[in-house]
Amino acid sequence: MRCRRRIGPAVAAVAALVVCCVCLLPRSARAGDDGLAHFLLFSRRDLWRKGAFASGGLHWAPHGRETDGCMLMRGHFELMAFAGLDVEVHKLWPDDPGNSLRGTSYGLALAAALWDQPTPNTMLAADASFSTIGHSYASRLAFGWRLFGQFYAGPETQVYGGDGYRQFRLGAHITSFKTGTDEWSAAVGWAIDTDHRESPYVRLGLTRRL
């Protein structure tokens, strides 16, 4: 049996703790006198016919996200790389005690993200990630046009996989809809996997700079 066949919610349990810790930090610890954002909180909800996923986490840059870490910037082009702890909680329906991913797992996560604005009214985004938990991976490519001066919208394609399982997605997204320090994204489309199952998918994401 492929490990990913009957995975329901895959929740990064550490996300709630991260949110609480950052919210309880004094303001001086969250944003320096330089006015730069030092923390980036992110959360995502993902739903399709055979599963629901929730994830969240934190990026921390002690000297500001514009100067810290592995990040290349030129004009409207950004290329970033991340590494850190991955905590996942998997609940299976029906239960499968023999599945190696059942319960809570800890591992290492690696990720890279690219953002480009080829013209003032277009965007190109790509990201990829890998986790030692189940040797899982994900990648996404999206293009969009600026609409109403508020957000980008356009097509996207995604691939998820691990341990011999793959899921392919094709849909439409809304990206970079900003409300204060929050930035929202959403997508809808069609998903099909290597177990010959298919259905619509819905995704909602939120990032917050502190």
Protein backbone atom coordinates (compact mmCIF):
# COMPACT_ATOMS: atom_id res chain seq x y z
CA MET A 1 0.00 0.00 0.00
CA ARG A 2 1.27 3.46 -0.83
CA CYS A 3 1.69 5.55 2.26
CA ARG A 4 -0.14 8.57 0.87
CA ARG A 5 -3.33 6.85 -0.20
CA ARG A 6 -5.37 7.43 2.91
CA ILE A 7 -3.82 10.48 4.49
CA GLY A 8 -6.34 12.94 5.88
CA PRO A 9 -5.27 16.18 7.60
CA ALA A 10 -1.50 16.67 7.68
CA VAL A 11 -1.17 19.35 10.35
CA ALA A 12 2.03 21.14 11.32
CA ALA A 13 1.26 20.98 15.04
CA VAL A 14 4.03 23.39 15.88
CA ALA A 15 2.18 26.20 14.06
CA ALA A 16 -0.10 27.01 16.98
CA LEU A 17 2.87 27.21 19.32
CA VAL A 18 4.72 29.46 16.89
CA VAL A 19 1.78 31.84 16.62
CA CYS A 20 1.43 32.05 20.41
CA CYS A 21 5.14 32.63 20.95
CA VAL A 22 5.37 35.42 18.38
CA CYS A 23 2.19 37.11 19.60
CA LEU A 24 3.57 37.12 23.16
CA LEU A 25 6.92 38.59 22.16
CA PRO A 26 7.40 42.25 23.08
CA ARG A 27 7.09 44.57 20.13
CA SER A 28 10.77 45.47 20.33
CA ALA A 29 11.66 41.81 19.77
CA ARG A 30 9.37 41.50 16.76
CA ALA A 31 10.36 44.62 14.84
CA GLY A 32 13.63 46.46 15.22
CA ASP A 33 14.32 50.15 15.05
CA ASP A 34 15.31 49.61 11.43
CA GLY A 35 11.62 49.20 10.55
CA LEU A 36 12.26 45.86 8.84
CA ALA A 37 10.07 42.79 9.17
CA HIS A 38 11.91 40.11 11.17
CA PHE A 39 9.20 37.44 11.29
CA LEU A 40 7.00 35.93 8.62
CA LEU A 41 4.10 33.78 9.83
CA PHE A 42 2.40 31.59 7.26
CA SER A 43 -0.60 29.29 7.23
CA ARG A 44 -2.37 27.26 4.54
CA ARG A 45 -5.57 25.22 4.26
CA ASP A 46 -5.99 22.72 1.43
CA LEU A 47 -8.99 20.54 0.60
CA TRP A 48 -9.81 17.93 -2.03
CA ARG A 49 -12.18 14.96 -2.14
CA LYS A 50 -9.80 12.46 -0.52
CA GLY A 51 -8.03 14.64 2.01
CA ALA A 52 -7.71 17.86 3.94
CA PHE A 53 -4.43 19.52 4.87
CA ALA A 54 -3.49 22.33 7.22
CA SER A 55 -0.01 23.72 7.69
CA GLY A 56 1.70 26.66 9.27
CA GLY A 57 5.09 27.91 10.38
CA LEU A 58 7.50 30.76 10.93
CA HIS A 59 10.44 32.32 9.12
CA TRP A 60 12.76 34.36 11.35
CA ALA A 61 15.42 36.82 10.14
CA PRO A 62 17.24 38.45 13.11
CA HIS A 63 18.48 41.39 11.04
CA GLY A 64 15.47 41.76 8.78
CA ARG A 65 14.10 39.68 5.91
CA GLU A 66 15.75 42.01 3.38
CA THR A 67 19.26 41.26 4.65
CA ASP A 68 19.29 37.87 6.44
CA GLY A 69 19.66 34.33 5.17
CA CYS A 70 20.08 32.89 1.71
CA MET A 71 18.25 35.44 -0.43
CA LEU A 72 19.10 36.94 -3.82
CA MET A 73 17.35 40.15 -4.94
CA ARG A 74 17.60 42.23 -8.08
CA GLY A 75 14.91 44.72 -8.97
CA HIS A 76 11.62 42.84 -8.73
CA PHE A 77 13.33 39.42 -8.71
CA GLU A 78 13.70 37.42 -5.48
CA LEU A 79 15.16 33.96 -4.88
CA MET A 80 15.04 32.55 -1.34
CA ALA A 81 16.10 29.28 0.30
CA PHE A 82 14.96 27.91 3.67
CA ALA A 83 15.72 24.97 5.95
CA GLY A 84 14.30 23.95 9.32
CA LEU A 85 12.34 21.57 11.50
CA ASP A 86 9.31 19.81 10.00
CA VAL A 87 6.62 18.51 12.37
CA GLU A 88 3.66 16.63 10.87
CA VAL A 89 0.59 14.97 12.39
CA HIS A 90 -1.20 12.48 10.12
CA LYS A 91 -4.62 10.99 10.84
CA LEU A 92 -5.84 8.30 8.45
CA TRP A 93 -9.42 7.34 7.48
CA PRO A 94 -9.95 4.46 7.87
CA ASP A 95 -7.20 3.99 10.42
CA ASP A 96 -4.12 2.10 9.26
CA PRO A 97 -1.89 1.11 12.23
CA GLY A 98 0.76 -0.28 9.87
CA ASN A 99 1.27 2.97 7.97
CA SER A 100 4.68 4.50 8.73
CA LEU A 101 3.26 8.05 8.52
CA ARG A 102 0.51 7.47 11.10
CA GLY A 103 0.74 9.82 14.10
CA THR A 104 3.37 12.50 14.70
CA SER A 105 6.62 12.61 12.75
CA TYR A 106 9.69 14.86 12.93
CA GLY A 107 12.11 15.63 10.14
CA LEU A 108 14.05 18.19 8.17
CA ALA A 109 12.41 20.44 5.59
CA LEU A 110 14.17 22.23 2.73
CA ALA A 111 12.50 24.79 0.49
CA ALA A 112 13.20 27.36 -2.19
CA ALA A 113 10.96 30.10 -3.58
CA LEU A 114 11.24 32.43 -6.57
CA TRP A 115 9.26 35.60 -7.25
CA ASP A 116 9.62 37.76 -10.34
CA GLN A 117 7.71 40.63 -11.94
CA PRO A 118 8.63 40.53 -15.64
CA THR A 119 6.52 43.66 -16.20
CA PRO A 120 4.82 46.11 -13.79
CA ASN A 121 1.53 44.21 -14.20
CA THR A 122 2.61 40.55 -14.31
CA MET A 123 4.15 38.07 -11.87
CA LEU A 124 5.86 34.70 -12.00
CA ALA A 125 6.18 32.52 -8.91
CA ALA A 126 7.75 29.11 -8.38
CA ASP A 127 8.52 27.12 -5.26
CA ALA A 128 9.73 23.67 -4.32
CA SER A 129 10.11 21.82 -1.03
CA PHE A 130 11.35 18.49 0.29
CA SER A 131 10.85 16.79 3.65
CA THR A 132 12.65 13.80 5.11
CA ILE A 133 9.25 12.67 6.44
CA GLY A 134 8.11 10.12 3.88
CA HIS A 135 10.59 11.64 1.40
CA SER A 136 7.74 13.94 0.39
CA TYR A 137 8.10 16.81 -2.04
CA ALA A 138 6.01 19.56 -3.59
CA SER A 139 6.44 22.10 -6.37
CA ARG A 140 4.32 24.88 -7.84
CA LEU A 141 4.52 27.21 -10.83
CA ALA A 142 2.16 30.18 -11.30
CA PHE A 143 1.77 33.16 -13.60
CA GLY A 144 -0.53 36.10 -13.00
CA TRP A 145 -1.76 39.49 -14.15
CA ARG A 146 -2.37 42.47 -11.86
CA LEU A 147 -6.12 43.13 -11.55
CA PHE A 148 -7.84 46.20 -10.09
CA GLY A 149 -4.52 47.24 -8.57
CA GLN A 150 -5.24 44.81 -5.70
CA PHE A 151 -3.99 41.30 -6.52
CA TYR A 152 -2.63 38.96 -9.17
CA ALA A 153 -4.72 36.25 -10.86
CA GLY A 154 -3.82 33.56 -13.38
CA PRO A 155 -3.07 29.86 -13.95
CA GLU A 156 -1.07 27.55 -11.71
CA THR A 157 0.17 23.97 -11.75
CA GLN A 158 1.35 21.84 -8.82
CA VAL A 159 2.86 18.46 -8.09
CA TYR A 160 2.88 16.67 -4.72
CA GLY A 161 4.52 13.33 -4.06
CA GLY A 162 6.34 10.91 -1.84
CA ASP A 163 7.00 7.17 -1.46
CA GLY A 164 5.77 6.32 -4.94
CA TYR A 165 2.66 8.51 -4.81
CA ARG A 166 2.08 11.64 -6.93
CA GLN A 167 -0.73 14.16 -7.27
CA PHE A 168 -0.98 16.64 -10.16
CA ARG A 169 -2.99 19.85 -10.07
CA LEU A 170 -4.03 22.47 -12.59
CA GLY A 171 -6.04 25.51 -11.56
CA ALA A 172 -6.38 29.26 -11.13
CA HIS A 173 -5.02 31.38 -8.30
CA ILE A 174 -5.33 34.77 -6.62
CA THR A 175 -2.06 35.99 -5.07
CA SER A 176 -0.86 38.97 -3.03
CA PHE A 177 -4.20 40.37 -1.87
CA LYS A 178 -3.01 42.60 0.97
CA THR A 179 -4.84 43.83 4.06
CA GLY A 180 -2.44 45.71 6.31
CA THR A 181 0.42 43.39 7.29
CA ASP A 182 -1.52 40.33 6.03
CA GLU A 183 -1.23 38.88 2.55
CA TRP A 184 -3.84 36.39 1.25
CA SER A 185 -3.81 33.83 -1.51
CA ALA A 186 -6.38 31.36 -2.83
CA ALA A 187 -6.73 28.80 -5.61
CA VAL A 188 -9.26 26.41 -7.14
CA GLY A 189 -8.77 23.75 -9.76
CA TRP A 190 -8.67 20.05 -10.59
CA ALA A 191 -6.48 17.36 -9.02
CA ILE A 192 -5.63 13.84 -10.20
CA ASP A 193 -3.29 11.31 -8.58
CA THR A 194 -1.43 8.12 -9.42
CA ASP A 195 -4.18 6.10 -7.69
CA HIS A 196 -6.50 7.20 -10.53
CA ARG A 197 -8.62 9.46 -8.32
CA GLU A 198 -9.61 12.99 -9.27
CA SER A 199 -11.65 15.86 -7.85
CA PRO A 200 -11.72 19.65 -7.47
CA TYR A 201 -9.31 21.23 -4.97
CA VAL A 202 -9.45 24.46 -2.95
CA ARG A 203 -6.56 26.22 -1.22
CA LEU A 204 -6.42 29.27 1.08
CA GLY A 205 -3.20 30.83 2.35
CA LEU A 206 -2.22 33.67 4.69
CA THR A 207 1.14 35.27 5.51
CA ARG A 208 1.80 37.97 8.10
CA ARG A 209 4.94 40.09 8.46
CA LEU A 210 6.00 41.18 11.94
